[in-house]
């Protein structure tokens, strides 16, 4: 399983795993297991959650960028 870096925030870890899901060759259910810490959701439900989380992270990035300007 993909490990969180020693000095990596939880948000940065979620962002890294989400942004690199394809490169890491993770199925949606594997992605959800890494993010949630449990194998609970089907691939179809995890896919829906993936796109919601991806969008949320993009919006948080925009907010963070505008605050740093």
Protein backbone atom coordinates (compact mmCIF):
# COMPACT_ATOMS: atom_id res chain seq x y z
CA UNK A 1 0.00 0.00 0.00
CA UNK A 2 1.11 3.55 -0.69
CA UNK A 3 2.63 5.19 2.39
CA UNK A 4 2.19 8.74 3.58
CA UNK A 5 5.48 10.64 3.75
CA UNK A 6 6.97 11.36 7.17
CA UNK A 7 6.47 15.13 6.89
CA UNK A 8 3.56 14.98 4.44
CA UNK A 9 0.27 16.51 5.56
CA UNK A 10 -2.85 14.42 5.19
CA UNK A 11 -4.18 16.86 2.59
CA UNK A 12 -0.94 16.65 0.58
CA UNK A 13 -1.07 12.86 0.79
CA UNK A 14 -4.67 12.77 -0.47
CA UNK A 15 -3.72 15.16 -3.26
CA UNK A 16 -0.70 13.05 -4.28
CA UNK A 17 -2.64 9.80 -4.33
CA UNK A 18 -5.58 11.36 -6.19
CA UNK A 19 -3.50 13.22 -8.78
CA UNK A 20 -1.37 10.14 -9.47
CA UNK A 21 -4.06 7.44 -9.42
CA UNK A 22 -3.50 6.51 -13.07
CA UNK A 23 0.31 6.62 -12.84
CA UNK A 24 0.16 4.44 -9.73
CA UNK A 25 -2.10 2.03 -11.65
CA UNK A 26 -4.75 2.12 -8.93
CA UNK A 27 -8.28 0.91 -9.48
CA UNK A 28 -10.88 3.25 -8.01
CA UNK A 29 -11.56 0.83 -5.15
CA UNK A 30 -7.80 0.67 -4.39
CA UNK A 31 -7.69 4.47 -4.39
CA UNK A 32 -10.61 4.56 -1.93
CA UNK A 33 -8.94 1.99 0.31
CA UNK A 34 -5.78 4.12 0.50
CA UNK A 35 -7.72 7.33 1.18
CA UNK A 36 -10.19 5.83 3.68
CA UNK A 37 -7.99 3.16 5.21
CA UNK A 38 -10.55 0.42 4.68
CA UNK A 39 -11.81 -1.75 1.85
CA UNK A 40 -15.44 -0.79 1.92
CA UNK A 41 -16.62 0.55 -1.44
CA UNK A 42 -17.19 -1.02 -4.83
CA UNK A 43 -15.20 0.27 -7.77
CA UNK A 44 -18.27 2.07 -9.10
CA UNK A 45 -18.97 3.92 -5.84
CA UNK A 46 -15.27 4.66 -5.39
CA UNK A 47 -15.13 6.11 -8.92
CA UNK A 48 -17.90 8.55 -8.06
CA UNK A 49 -16.12 9.53 -4.85
CA UNK A 50 -12.84 9.94 -6.72
CA UNK A 51 -14.27 12.57 -9.05
CA UNK A 52 -15.88 14.44 -6.15
CA UNK A 53 -12.64 14.43 -4.13
CA UNK A 54 -10.60 15.39 -7.19
CA UNK A 55 -12.85 18.41 -7.78
CA UNK A 56 -12.74 19.37 -4.11
CA UNK A 57 -8.92 19.24 -4.08
CA UNK A 58 -8.81 21.42 -7.21
CA UNK A 59 -11.06 24.00 -5.53
CA UNK A 60 -8.96 23.94 -2.35
CA UNK A 61 -5.86 24.49 -4.48
CA UNK A 62 -7.48 27.56 -6.07
CA UNK A 63 -8.39 28.95 -2.66
CA UNK A 64 -4.89 28.31 -1.36
CA UNK A 65 -3.34 29.97 -4.40
CA UNK A 66 -5.51 33.06 -4.09
CA UNK A 67 -4.66 33.39 -0.38
CA UNK A 68 -0.95 33.28 -1.15
CA UNK A 69 -1.15 36.06 -3.75
